[in-house]
């Protein structure tokens, strides 16, 4: 008779997923916002520096798109 083993996997709760998202999103947003703000104040074309921000109309949307693009590469 074959012996079967049962493995129990713990799926992270939605709270863990939200916390992990916030712990990645917020620091990345702050860092990329600082880069975009510095570029904006100096008068440089900062949208070319951030991936995903090329076609955005304002700085917040560009930084947000850039963070989501960055997060898709690390997760």
N, C-alpha and C. Protein backbone atom coordinates (compact mmCIF):
# COMPACT_ATOMS: atom_id res chain seq x y z
N UNK A 1 0.84 -1.16 0.00
CA UNK A 1 0.00 0.00 0.00
C UNK A 1 0.89 1.24 0.00
N UNK A 2 0.56 2.20 -0.84
CA UNK A 2 1.36 3.41 -0.95
C UNK A 2 1.02 4.36 0.19
N UNK A 3 2.06 4.97 0.69
CA UNK A 3 1.86 5.93 1.78
C UNK A 3 1.69 7.33 1.17
N UNK A 4 0.70 8.02 1.63
CA UNK A 4 0.46 9.38 1.14
C UNK A 4 0.77 10.36 2.25
N UNK A 5 1.32 11.48 1.85
CA UNK A 5 1.60 12.52 2.83
C UNK A 5 0.77 13.74 2.48
N UNK A 6 0.39 14.44 3.48
CA UNK A 6 -0.42 15.62 3.29
C UNK A 6 0.38 16.84 3.73
N UNK A 7 0.45 17.82 2.85
CA UNK A 7 1.16 19.04 3.17
C UNK A 7 0.15 20.15 3.38
N UNK A 8 0.36 20.89 4.42
CA UNK A 8 -0.51 22.01 4.72
C UNK A 8 0.26 23.28 4.38
N UNK A 9 -0.32 24.08 3.52
CA UNK A 9 0.32 25.35 3.17
C UNK A 9 -0.48 26.48 3.79
N UNK A 10 0.24 27.40 4.32
CA UNK A 10 -0.40 28.57 4.91
C UNK A 10 -0.45 29.69 3.88
N UNK A 11 -1.62 30.04 3.49
CA UNK A 11 -1.78 31.15 2.56
C UNK A 11 -1.79 32.44 3.36
N UNK A 12 -0.98 33.41 2.95
CA UNK A 12 -0.97 34.66 3.70
C UNK A 12 -2.33 35.35 3.63
N UNK A 13 -2.68 35.96 4.72
CA UNK A 13 -3.97 36.64 4.77
C UNK A 13 -3.93 37.91 3.93
N UNK A 14 -5.08 38.46 3.70
CA UNK A 14 -5.14 39.69 2.92
C UNK A 14 -4.46 40.83 3.67
N UNK A 15 -4.45 40.78 5.00
CA UNK A 15 -3.77 41.80 5.79
C UNK A 15 -2.27 41.77 5.50
N UNK A 16 -1.69 40.57 5.40
CA UNK A 16 -0.26 40.45 5.08
C UNK A 16 0.05 40.98 3.69
N UNK A 17 -0.85 40.71 2.75
CA UNK A 17 -0.66 41.20 1.39
C UNK A 17 -0.72 42.72 1.34
N UNK A 18 -1.66 43.30 2.05
CA UNK A 18 -1.80 44.76 2.07
C UNK A 18 -0.59 45.41 2.73
N UNK A 19 -0.13 44.81 3.82
CA UNK A 19 1.02 45.35 4.53
C UNK A 19 2.27 45.28 3.65
N UNK A 20 2.46 44.16 2.98
CA UNK A 20 3.61 44.03 2.09
C UNK A 20 3.54 45.03 0.94
N UNK A 21 2.35 45.23 0.40
CA UNK A 21 2.18 46.20 -0.69
C UNK A 21 2.54 47.60 -0.21
N UNK A 22 2.05 47.97 0.96
CA UNK A 22 2.32 49.31 1.49
C UNK A 22 3.80 49.48 1.80
N UNK A 23 4.43 48.45 2.35
CA UNK A 23 5.85 48.55 2.70
C UNK A 23 6.75 48.63 1.47
N UNK A 24 6.25 48.21 0.33
CA UNK A 24 7.02 48.35 -0.91
C UNK A 24 6.62 49.63 -1.64
N UNK A 25 5.32 49.91 -1.73
CA UNK A 25 4.83 51.03 -2.52
C UNK A 25 5.25 52.38 -1.95
N UNK A 26 5.06 52.58 -0.66
CA UNK A 26 5.29 53.90 -0.06
C UNK A 26 6.75 54.35 -0.18
N UNK A 27 7.74 53.52 0.21
CA UNK A 27 9.13 53.99 0.06
C UNK A 27 9.52 54.23 -1.40
N UNK A 28 9.04 53.37 -2.29
CA UNK A 28 9.35 53.56 -3.71
C UNK A 28 8.70 54.83 -4.23
N UNK A 29 7.47 55.11 -3.81
CA UNK A 29 6.79 56.31 -4.25
C UNK A 29 7.52 57.56 -3.76
N UNK A 30 7.92 57.55 -2.50
CA UNK A 30 8.62 58.71 -1.93
C UNK A 30 9.94 58.94 -2.67
N UNK A 31 10.69 57.88 -2.92
CA UNK A 31 11.97 58.01 -3.61
C UNK A 31 11.79 58.53 -5.04
N UNK A 32 10.89 57.93 -5.78
CA UNK A 32 10.69 58.36 -7.16
C UNK A 32 10.02 59.73 -7.24
N UNK A 33 9.20 60.07 -6.25
CA UNK A 33 8.61 61.40 -6.22
C UNK A 33 9.70 62.45 -6.00
N UNK A 34 10.66 62.14 -5.14
CA UNK A 34 11.77 63.07 -4.91
C UNK A 34 12.59 63.26 -6.19
N UNK A 35 12.81 62.19 -6.93
CA UNK A 35 13.54 62.30 -8.20
C UNK A 35 12.75 63.15 -9.19
N UNK A 36 11.45 62.89 -9.29
CA UNK A 36 10.62 63.65 -10.22
C UNK A 36 10.52 65.12 -9.81
N UNK A 37 10.41 65.38 -8.52
CA UNK A 37 10.32 66.75 -8.04
C UNK A 37 11.62 67.51 -8.30
N UNK A 38 12.74 66.85 -8.07
CA UNK A 38 14.03 67.48 -8.35
C UNK A 38 14.16 67.79 -9.84
N UNK A 39 13.77 66.86 -10.68
CA UNK A 39 13.80 67.09 -12.12
C UNK A 39 12.87 68.20 -12.54
N UNK A 40 11.70 68.27 -11.93
CA UNK A 40 10.73 69.32 -12.26
C UNK A 40 11.26 70.69 -11.84
N UNK A 41 11.85 70.78 -10.66
CA UNK A 41 12.37 72.05 -10.17
C UNK A 41 13.56 72.56 -10.99
N UNK A 42 14.37 71.64 -11.46
CA UNK A 42 15.54 72.01 -12.26
C UNK A 42 15.13 72.31 -13.70
N UNK A 43 14.00 71.80 -14.13
CA UNK A 43 13.51 72.04 -15.48
C UNK A 43 13.93 70.98 -16.47
N UNK A 44 14.27 69.80 -15.97
CA UNK A 44 14.69 68.71 -16.86
C UNK A 44 13.49 67.83 -17.21
N UNK A 45 13.65 67.01 -18.22
CA UNK A 45 12.59 66.11 -18.67
C UNK A 45 12.64 64.83 -17.83
N UNK A 46 12.05 64.85 -16.65
CA UNK A 46 12.13 63.75 -15.71
C UNK A 46 11.30 62.55 -16.13
N UNK A 47 10.32 62.73 -17.00
CA UNK A 47 9.47 61.60 -17.41
C UNK A 47 10.26 60.53 -18.14
N UNK A 48 11.32 60.94 -18.81
CA UNK A 48 12.16 59.97 -19.51
C UNK A 48 12.98 59.14 -18.53
N UNK A 49 13.18 59.63 -17.34
CA UNK A 49 13.98 58.90 -16.34
C UNK A 49 13.20 57.77 -15.70
N UNK A 50 11.88 57.92 -15.58
CA UNK A 50 11.07 56.95 -14.86
C UNK A 50 10.31 56.06 -15.83
N UNK A 51 10.45 54.75 -15.70
CA UNK A 51 9.74 53.85 -16.61
C UNK A 51 8.24 53.88 -16.34
N UNK A 52 7.45 53.99 -17.38
CA UNK A 52 6.01 54.00 -17.25
C UNK A 52 5.41 55.39 -17.13
N UNK A 53 6.23 56.41 -16.97
CA UNK A 53 5.72 57.77 -16.75
C UNK A 53 5.73 58.60 -18.03
N UNK A 54 6.09 58.03 -19.13
CA UNK A 54 6.30 58.81 -20.35
C UNK A 54 5.03 59.52 -20.83
N UNK A 55 3.88 58.88 -20.75
CA UNK A 55 2.66 59.45 -21.31
C UNK A 55 1.71 60.02 -20.27
N UNK A 56 2.16 60.21 -19.05
CA UNK A 56 1.29 60.72 -18.00
C UNK A 56 1.22 62.24 -18.05
N UNK A 57 0.09 62.77 -17.61
CA UNK A 57 -0.14 64.21 -17.73
C UNK A 57 0.37 65.01 -16.54
N UNK A 58 0.41 64.43 -15.36
CA UNK A 58 0.92 65.18 -14.21
C UNK A 58 1.95 64.36 -13.45
N UNK A 59 2.59 64.99 -12.48
CA UNK A 59 3.70 64.35 -11.79
C UNK A 59 3.24 63.19 -10.91
N UNK A 60 2.14 63.33 -10.20
CA UNK A 60 1.66 62.27 -9.32
C UNK A 60 1.31 61.01 -10.13
N UNK A 61 0.61 61.18 -11.22
CA UNK A 61 0.24 60.03 -12.06
C UNK A 61 1.49 59.39 -12.67
N UNK A 62 2.46 60.19 -13.05
CA UNK A 62 3.70 59.65 -13.60
C UNK A 62 4.49 58.86 -12.59
N UNK A 63 4.57 59.38 -11.37
CA UNK A 63 5.29 58.66 -10.32
C UNK A 63 4.56 57.39 -9.94
N UNK A 64 3.24 57.45 -9.86
CA UNK A 64 2.45 56.26 -9.52
C UNK A 64 2.62 55.17 -10.58
N UNK A 65 2.57 55.55 -11.84
CA UNK A 65 2.77 54.58 -12.93
C UNK A 65 4.18 54.01 -12.88
N UNK A 66 5.13 54.83 -12.55
CA UNK A 66 6.51 54.37 -12.45
C UNK A 66 6.70 53.38 -11.31
N UNK A 67 6.06 53.65 -10.18
CA UNK A 67 6.17 52.74 -9.04
C UNK A 67 5.54 51.39 -9.37
N UNK A 68 4.37 51.41 -10.02
CA UNK A 68 3.75 50.14 -10.41
C UNK A 68 4.61 49.37 -11.40
N UNK A 69 5.25 50.08 -12.32
CA UNK A 69 6.16 49.42 -13.26
C UNK A 69 7.35 48.82 -12.53
N UNK A 70 7.91 49.58 -11.60
CA UNK A 70 9.04 49.10 -10.80
C UNK A 70 8.64 47.88 -9.96
N UNK A 71 7.46 47.94 -9.34
CA UNK A 71 7.00 46.84 -8.50
C UNK A 71 6.76 45.58 -9.31
N UNK A 72 6.34 45.70 -10.54
CA UNK A 72 6.11 44.50 -11.35
C UNK A 72 7.41 43.78 -11.66
N UNK A 73 8.52 44.50 -11.60
CA UNK A 73 9.81 43.87 -11.85
C UNK A 73 10.39 43.19 -10.60
N UNK A 74 10.03 43.65 -9.42
CA UNK A 74 10.61 43.07 -8.21
C UNK A 74 9.74 42.01 -7.57
N UNK A 75 8.47 41.95 -7.92
CA UNK A 75 7.59 40.95 -7.30
C UNK A 75 7.39 39.78 -8.22
